[in-house]
């Protein structure tokens, strides 16, 4: 029997996310969960002041409903996902979903403090860092105890990570997870950008997990992709709702989790090149400014540089998505699956 659980997952996630927005939007407006625009952002973003935020809740809802529906189908039809239940593949899949959810919870706390407690910066940097590192380390611990002993490197193959120099993988992986989750967060600054880029990223992971026959991870990638499309109903320019840190940190956790599900996390450097550039632009700008008191970019993250250069939000979303698609294609080509 053909396994259609990924298709079910994507469709249900899209419908659940898009439809739940109908109910969530007026509630967020009534509760006055509006976005506060930072003073140091582009001045034309001031008109977005008060746009409902914390919309990431409907993405999380959509993904969870989709996974439940697809898993129910898989169990009834006894297709691929059913065969994974008693394997470490299933444990890694569940841990990855858990990582995304915990990051989403951290984002929710951050948003709640911003909009309800009226503290524009939300959680302090230290609080956010400690929480993110804790759950990232917990995630890696689950992977280690589930029997993960190798990681894949392009043109090399599987490399041992449980002895000798291979043990360096774990602290590097911790910083890798932390860095990419926050890089996805930085990408959320233009209407539809984070959703569109993550849609492409998840489609690439759908191809890779499908090629590796990872049913759970394939279902998860499909669900997140479907939720991104559903959220774009509300978040494409001009946005009626922002995902907030609730959504961007959830997406960050999901993307990182999918990368580790494949056993090829290094591919995220290509697949997530837009996230990487967003984060690096901030690091480069801050470092250079501290040394010279001058700026390389007009504003960071780098999508703001292009805004300041005259690009419209729709053009930024389109070009950044195409860049993700191109680098994602390269990742698939070198993944060893073709």
Protein backbone atom coordinates (compact mmCIF):
# COMPACT_ATOMS: atom_id res chain seq x y z
CA UNK A 1 0.00 0.00 0.00
CA UNK A 2 1.26 3.46 -0.91
CA UNK A 3 2.02 5.55 2.16
CA UNK A 4 0.10 8.81 1.82
CA UNK A 5 0.68 9.93 5.42
CA UNK A 6 3.03 12.79 4.34
CA UNK A 7 0.30 14.07 1.98
CA UNK A 8 -2.27 13.84 4.76
CA UNK A 9 0.14 15.60 7.09
CA UNK A 10 0.72 18.52 4.70
CA UNK A 11 -2.96 18.99 3.80
CA UNK A 12 -4.22 18.77 7.38
CA UNK A 13 -1.50 21.16 8.61
CA UNK A 14 -2.43 23.68 5.91
CA UNK A 15 -6.16 23.52 6.64
CA UNK A 16 -5.79 23.49 10.43
CA UNK A 17 -3.39 26.45 10.40
CA UNK A 18 -5.32 28.55 7.88
CA UNK A 19 -8.74 27.90 9.45
CA UNK A 20 -7.58 28.36 13.05
CA UNK A 21 -6.34 31.81 12.03
CA UNK A 22 -9.96 32.82 11.45
CA UNK A 23 -10.62 32.28 15.15
CA UNK A 24 -7.21 33.28 16.51
CA UNK A 25 -6.99 36.69 14.81
CA UNK A 26 -10.00 38.33 16.53
CA UNK A 27 -8.97 36.80 19.86
CA UNK A 28 -5.44 38.20 19.58
CA UNK A 29 -6.88 41.59 18.61
CA UNK A 30 -9.31 41.54 21.53
CA UNK A 31 -6.53 40.61 23.96
CA UNK A 32 -4.42 43.40 22.41
CA UNK A 33 -1.57 40.99 21.66
CA UNK A 34 -0.11 43.48 19.20
CA UNK A 35 3.47 43.73 17.98
CA UNK A 36 5.59 46.60 19.28
CA UNK A 37 7.94 47.83 16.57
CA UNK A 38 11.49 48.49 17.78
CA UNK A 39 12.77 52.05 17.53
CA UNK A 40 15.93 50.98 15.68
CA UNK A 41 14.03 49.17 12.94
CA UNK A 42 13.10 50.62 9.51
CA UNK A 43 10.88 53.65 10.05
CA UNK A 44 8.26 52.47 7.54
CA UNK A 45 7.66 49.44 9.77
CA UNK A 46 6.00 51.80 12.26
CA UNK A 47 2.73 51.37 10.37
CA UNK A 48 2.79 47.70 11.45
CA UNK A 49 2.55 48.75 15.11
CA UNK A 50 -0.24 46.83 16.82
CA UNK A 51 -0.48 44.01 14.25
CA UNK A 52 -1.43 40.89 16.25
CA UNK A 53 1.57 38.73 17.11
CA UNK A 54 1.98 35.29 18.74
CA UNK A 55 0.40 33.85 15.57
CA UNK A 56 2.91 31.03 15.79
CA UNK A 57 0.35 29.36 18.04
CA UNK A 58 -1.75 28.44 15.01
CA UNK A 59 1.29 26.95 13.27
CA UNK A 60 2.05 24.77 16.27
CA UNK A 61 -1.61 23.76 16.44
CA UNK A 62 -1.63 22.93 12.74
CA UNK A 63 1.51 20.78 12.98
CA UNK A 64 0.28 18.84 16.01
CA UNK A 65 -3.14 18.16 14.48
CA UNK A 66 -1.48 17.08 11.23
CA UNK A 67 0.93 14.71 12.95
CA UNK A 68 -1.90 13.13 14.93
CA UNK A 69 -3.99 12.67 11.76
CA UNK A 70 -1.09 11.26 9.73
CA UNK A 71 0.05 8.99 12.54
CA UNK A 72 -3.51 7.68 13.01
CA UNK A 73 -3.64 6.87 9.30
CA UNK A 74 -0.23 5.22 9.47
CA UNK A 75 -1.21 3.03 12.40
CA UNK A 76 -4.51 1.99 10.80
CA UNK A 77 -3.03 1.32 7.36
CA UNK A 78 0.11 -0.20 8.90
CA UNK A 79 2.38 1.68 6.52
CA UNK A 80 5.94 3.01 7.01
CA UNK A 81 5.43 4.99 10.21
CA UNK A 82 4.04 1.89 11.92
CA UNK A 83 7.26 0.00 11.21
CA UNK A 84 9.36 2.75 12.86
CA UNK A 85 7.58 2.82 16.22
CA UNK A 86 10.00 0.48 18.00
CA UNK A 87 13.18 1.87 16.45
CA UNK A 88 15.54 4.72 17.31
CA UNK A 89 14.30 6.52 14.17
CA UNK A 90 10.98 7.01 15.93
CA UNK A 91 12.67 8.21 19.13
CA UNK A 92 14.70 10.78 17.17
CA UNK A 93 11.55 11.90 15.35
CA UNK A 94 9.67 12.38 18.64
CA UNK A 95 12.66 14.16 20.21
CA UNK A 96 12.81 16.52 17.22
CA UNK A 97 9.12 17.37 17.52
CA UNK A 98 9.73 17.91 21.23
CA UNK A 99 12.66 20.24 20.53
CA UNK A 100 10.45 22.36 18.25
CA UNK A 101 7.67 22.47 20.85
CA UNK A 102 9.97 23.48 23.71
CA UNK A 103 11.50 26.22 21.57
CA UNK A 104 7.99 27.36 20.73
CA UNK A 105 7.19 27.52 24.44
CA UNK A 106 10.28 29.67 25.05
CA UNK A 107 9.12 31.93 22.23
CA UNK A 108 5.62 32.10 23.72
CA UNK A 109 7.05 33.20 27.08
CA UNK A 110 9.11 35.83 25.29
CA UNK A 111 6.10 37.13 23.35
CA UNK A 112 3.88 37.07 26.43
CA UNK A 113 6.33 39.21 28.37
CA UNK A 114 6.58 41.64 25.46
CA UNK A 115 2.88 42.15 24.83
CA UNK A 116 1.31 41.54 28.24
CA UNK A 117 4.01 42.72 30.61
CA UNK A 118 4.90 45.54 28.18
CA UNK A 119 8.63 44.73 28.21
CA UNK A 120 9.61 45.29 24.59
CA UNK A 121 12.64 42.98 24.65
CA UNK A 122 10.80 40.07 26.33
CA UNK A 123 12.97 37.51 28.10
CA UNK A 124 16.47 38.69 28.89
CA UNK A 125 19.24 37.42 26.64
CA UNK A 126 20.60 35.31 29.49
CA UNK A 127 17.22 33.74 30.27
CA UNK A 128 16.60 32.87 26.64
CA UNK A 129 20.11 31.50 26.16
CA UNK A 130 19.96 29.29 29.27
CA UNK A 131 16.57 27.86 28.30
CA UNK A 132 17.58 27.23 24.69
CA UNK A 133 20.88 25.60 25.62
CA UNK A 134 19.20 23.43 28.25
CA UNK A 135 16.62 21.99 25.85
CA UNK A 136 19.20 21.68 23.07
CA UNK A 137 21.48 19.70 25.39
CA UNK A 138 18.53 17.56 26.49
CA UNK A 139 17.73 16.86 22.84
CA UNK A 140 21.31 15.78 22.13
CA UNK A 141 21.26 13.57 25.23
CA UNK A 142 18.16 11.79 23.90
CA UNK A 143 19.92 11.28 20.56
CA UNK A 144 22.99 9.85 22.29
CA UNK A 145 20.98 7.48 24.47
CA UNK A 146 18.89 6.40 21.48
CA UNK A 147 22.02 4.99 19.88
CA UNK A 148 23.19 7.72 17.51
CA UNK A 149 26.87 6.86 16.92
CA UNK A 150 27.72 8.49 13.61
CA UNK A 151 27.17 11.63 11.61
CA UNK A 152 27.43 11.99 7.86
CA UNK A 153 29.94 14.25 6.11
CA UNK A 154 29.85 15.03 2.37
CA UNK A 155 32.35 13.05 0.27
CA UNK A 156 33.43 11.18 3.43
CA UNK A 157 30.40 9.27 4.63
CA UNK A 158 29.54 8.26 8.17
CA UNK A 159 31.97 9.40 10.88
CA UNK A 160 32.18 7.96 14.40
CA UNK A 161 31.08 10.46 17.10
CA UNK A 162 31.29 8.34 20.25
CA UNK A 163 35.04 8.08 20.68
CA UNK A 164 38.25 9.98 20.08
CA UNK A 165 38.10 13.23 18.16
CA UNK A 166 34.54 12.35 17.15
CA UNK A 167 33.37 13.36 20.62
CA UNK A 168 33.85 16.99 19.55
CA UNK A 169 30.67 16.52 17.56
CA UNK A 170 28.48 16.96 20.66
CA UNK A 171 29.64 20.43 21.85
CA UNK A 172 29.77 21.60 18.23
CA UNK A 173 26.26 20.25 17.70
CA UNK A 174 25.04 22.15 20.77
CA UNK A 175 26.30 25.46 19.37
CA UNK A 176 25.01 24.48 15.92
CA UNK A 177 21.48 23.96 17.27
CA UNK A 178 21.53 27.14 19.34
CA UNK A 179 22.91 29.19 16.45
CA UNK A 180 20.47 28.00 13.81
CA UNK A 181 17.41 28.32 16.03
CA UNK A 182 18.26 31.95 16.65
CA UNK A 183 19.16 32.46 12.99
CA UNK A 184 15.61 31.43 12.03
CA UNK A 185 14.36 33.88 14.64
CA UNK A 186 16.38 36.68 12.99
CA UNK A 187 14.89 35.81 9.59
CA UNK A 188 11.43 36.77 10.84
CA UNK A 189 11.49 40.48 10.06
CA UNK A 190 9.64 40.92 6.76
CA UNK A 191 6.07 39.85 5.99
CA UNK A 192 6.08 36.23 4.88
CA UNK A 193 9.87 35.82 4.85
CA UNK A 194 10.42 33.24 7.61
CA UNK A 195 7.35 31.25 6.49
CA UNK A 196 8.36 31.23 2.82
CA UNK A 197 12.00 30.34 3.40
CA UNK A 198 11.06 27.62 5.89
CA UNK A 199 8.52 26.24 3.42
CA UNK A 200 11.34 25.73 0.90
CA UNK A 201 13.64 24.30 3.58
CA UNK A 202 11.00 21.79 4.67
CA UNK A 203 10.30 20.77 1.06
CA UNK A 204 14.01 19.98 0.69
CA UNK A 205 13.87 17.93 3.88
CA UNK A 206 10.80 16.15 2.52
CA UNK A 207 12.91 15.01 -0.44
CA UNK A 208 15.83 13.93 1.75
CA UNK A 209 13.79 12.14 4.42
CA UNK A 210 11.75 10.48 1.69
CA UNK A 211 14.93 9.26 0.04
CA UNK A 212 16.20 7.93 3.37
CA UNK A 213 12.81 6.29 4.09
CA UNK A 214 12.40 8.15 7.36
CA UNK A 215 8.62 8.03 7.67
CA UNK A 216 8.28 10.03 10.88
CA UNK A 217 10.67 12.79 9.81
CA UNK A 218 9.04 12.92 6.37
CA UNK A 219 5.66 13.37 8.03
CA UNK A 220 7.07 16.12 10.26
CA UNK A 221 8.66 17.98 7.35
CA UNK A 222 5.37 17.77 5.45
CA UNK A 223 3.41 19.06 8.43
CA UNK A 224 5.69 22.07 8.96
CA UNK A 225 5.62 22.85 5.22
CA UNK A 226 1.82 22.71 5.22
CA UNK A 227 1.64 24.91 8.32
CA UNK A 228 3.92 27.48 6.66
CA UNK A 229 1.58 27.68 3.66
CA UNK A 230 -1.41 27.96 5.99
CA UNK A 231 0.27 30.75 7.94
CA UNK A 232 1.09 32.65 4.75
CA UNK A 233 -2.67 33.10 4.33
CA UNK A 234 -2.36 35.51 7.27
CA UNK A 235 1.28 36.57 7.07
CA UNK A 236 1.91 37.40 3.40
CA UNK A 237 2.34 41.11 2.69
CA UNK A 238 0.59 43.06 4.11
CA UNK A 239 0.59 40.81 7.17
CA UNK A 240 -2.60 40.53 9.20
CA UNK A 241 -0.75 38.51 11.85
CA UNK A 242 2.88 37.98 12.90
CA UNK A 243 4.23 34.66 14.10
CA UNK A 244 6.26 36.26 16.89
CA UNK A 245 9.02 34.38 18.67
CA UNK A 246 6.40 31.69 19.35
CA UNK A 247 6.48 30.79 15.67
CA UNK A 248 10.05 31.62 14.69
CA UNK A 249 11.64 29.66 17.54
CA UNK A 250 9.26 26.76 16.87
CA UNK A 251 10.29 26.78 13.21
CA UNK A 252 13.94 26.98 14.24
CA UNK A 253 13.57 23.93 16.45
CA UNK A 254 11.70 22.08 13.69
CA UNK A 255 14.31 22.83 11.04
CA UNK A 256 17.19 21.79 13.28
CA UNK A 257 15.32 18.68 14.40
CA UNK A 258 14.73 17.64 10.79
CA UNK A 259 18.41 18.11 10.01
CA UNK A 260 19.40 15.77 12.84
CA UNK A 261 16.67 13.28 11.90
CA UNK A 262 18.42 12.77 8.57
CA UNK A 263 21.75 12.01 10.25
CA UNK A 264 23.15 14.71 7.97
CA UNK A 265 22.87 17.92 10.04
CA UNK A 266 25.79 19.50 8.17
CA UNK A 267 23.51 19.84 5.13
CA UNK A 268 21.65 22.58 7.01
CA UNK A 269 24.58 24.87 6.21
CA UNK A 270 23.38 24.72 2.60
CA UNK A 271 19.66 24.17 3.03
CA UNK A 272 19.47 26.93 5.65
CA UNK A 273 21.85 29.32 3.88
CA UNK A 274 19.39 32.22 4.22
CA UNK A 275 19.20 31.73 7.98
CA UNK A 276 22.99 31.54 8.08
CA UNK A 277 23.41 34.78 6.13
CA UNK A 278 20.90 36.57 8.35
CA UNK A 279 22.83 35.59 11.48
CA UNK A 280 26.27 36.23 10.00
CA UNK A 281 25.23 39.69 8.84
CA UNK A 282 24.45 40.63 12.44
CA UNK A 283 27.71 39.17 13.77
CA UNK A 284 29.77 40.91 11.07
CA UNK A 285 27.99 44.24 11.56
CA UNK A 286 28.38 44.25 15.35
CA UNK A 287 32.02 43.12 15.25
CA UNK A 288 33.00 45.64 12.58
CA UNK A 289 31.14 48.49 14.28
CA UNK A 290 32.81 47.82 17.63
CA UNK A 291 36.24 48.05 16.00
CA UNK A 292 35.70 50.90 13.53
CA UNK A 293 32.45 52.66 14.56
CA UNK A 294 31.39 52.15 10.94
CA UNK A 295 28.80 49.86 9.35
CA UNK A 296 29.18 47.41 6.48
CA UNK A 297 25.43 46.97 5.95
CA UNK A 298 22.82 49.71 6.03
CA UNK A 299 20.93 47.69 8.65
CA UNK A 300 20.91 44.13 9.91
CA UNK A 301 19.67 41.42 9.76
CA UNK A 302 20.50 41.53 6.07
CA UNK A 303 16.89 41.61 4.83
CA UNK A 304 16.72 45.13 6.32
CA UNK A 305 19.80 46.09 4.29
CA UNK A 306 17.93 45.21 1.12
CA UNK A 307 14.85 47.08 2.36
CA UNK A 308 17.00 50.16 2.93
CA UNK A 309 18.39 49.67 -0.59
CA UNK A 310 14.90 49.99 -2.06
CA UNK A 311 13.74 46.38 -2.33
CA UNK A 312 10.07 45.78 -1.55
CA UNK A 313 9.07 43.10 0.96
CA UNK A 314 7.63 40.85 -1.75
CA UNK A 315 10.89 41.01 -3.73
CA UNK A 316 12.96 40.13 -0.65
CA UNK A 317 10.72 37.13 0.06
CA UNK A 318 10.93 35.95 -3.56
CA UNK A 319 14.71 36.31 -3.93
CA UNK A 320 15.51 34.80 -0.53
CA UNK A 321 13.18 31.87 -1.28
CA UNK A 322 14.85 31.28 -4.65
CA UNK A 323 18.26 31.33 -2.96
CA UNK A 324 17.00 28.72 -0.48
CA UNK A 325 15.72 26.61 -3.35
CA UNK A 326 19.01 26.77 -5.24
CA UNK A 327 21.20 25.90 -2.26
CA UNK A 328 18.70 23.24 -1.18
CA UNK A 329 19.04 21.61 -4.60
CA UNK A 330 22.82 21.52 -4.16
CA UNK A 331 22.34 19.89 -0.74
CA UNK A 332 20.16 17.18 -2.29
CA UNK A 333 22.75 16.59 -5.01
CA UNK A 334 25.60 16.04 -2.55
CA UNK A 335 23.51 14.16 0.00
CA UNK A 336 24.31 10.86 -1.65
CA UNK A 337 20.64 10.12 -2.34
CA UNK A 338 20.74 10.68 -6.10
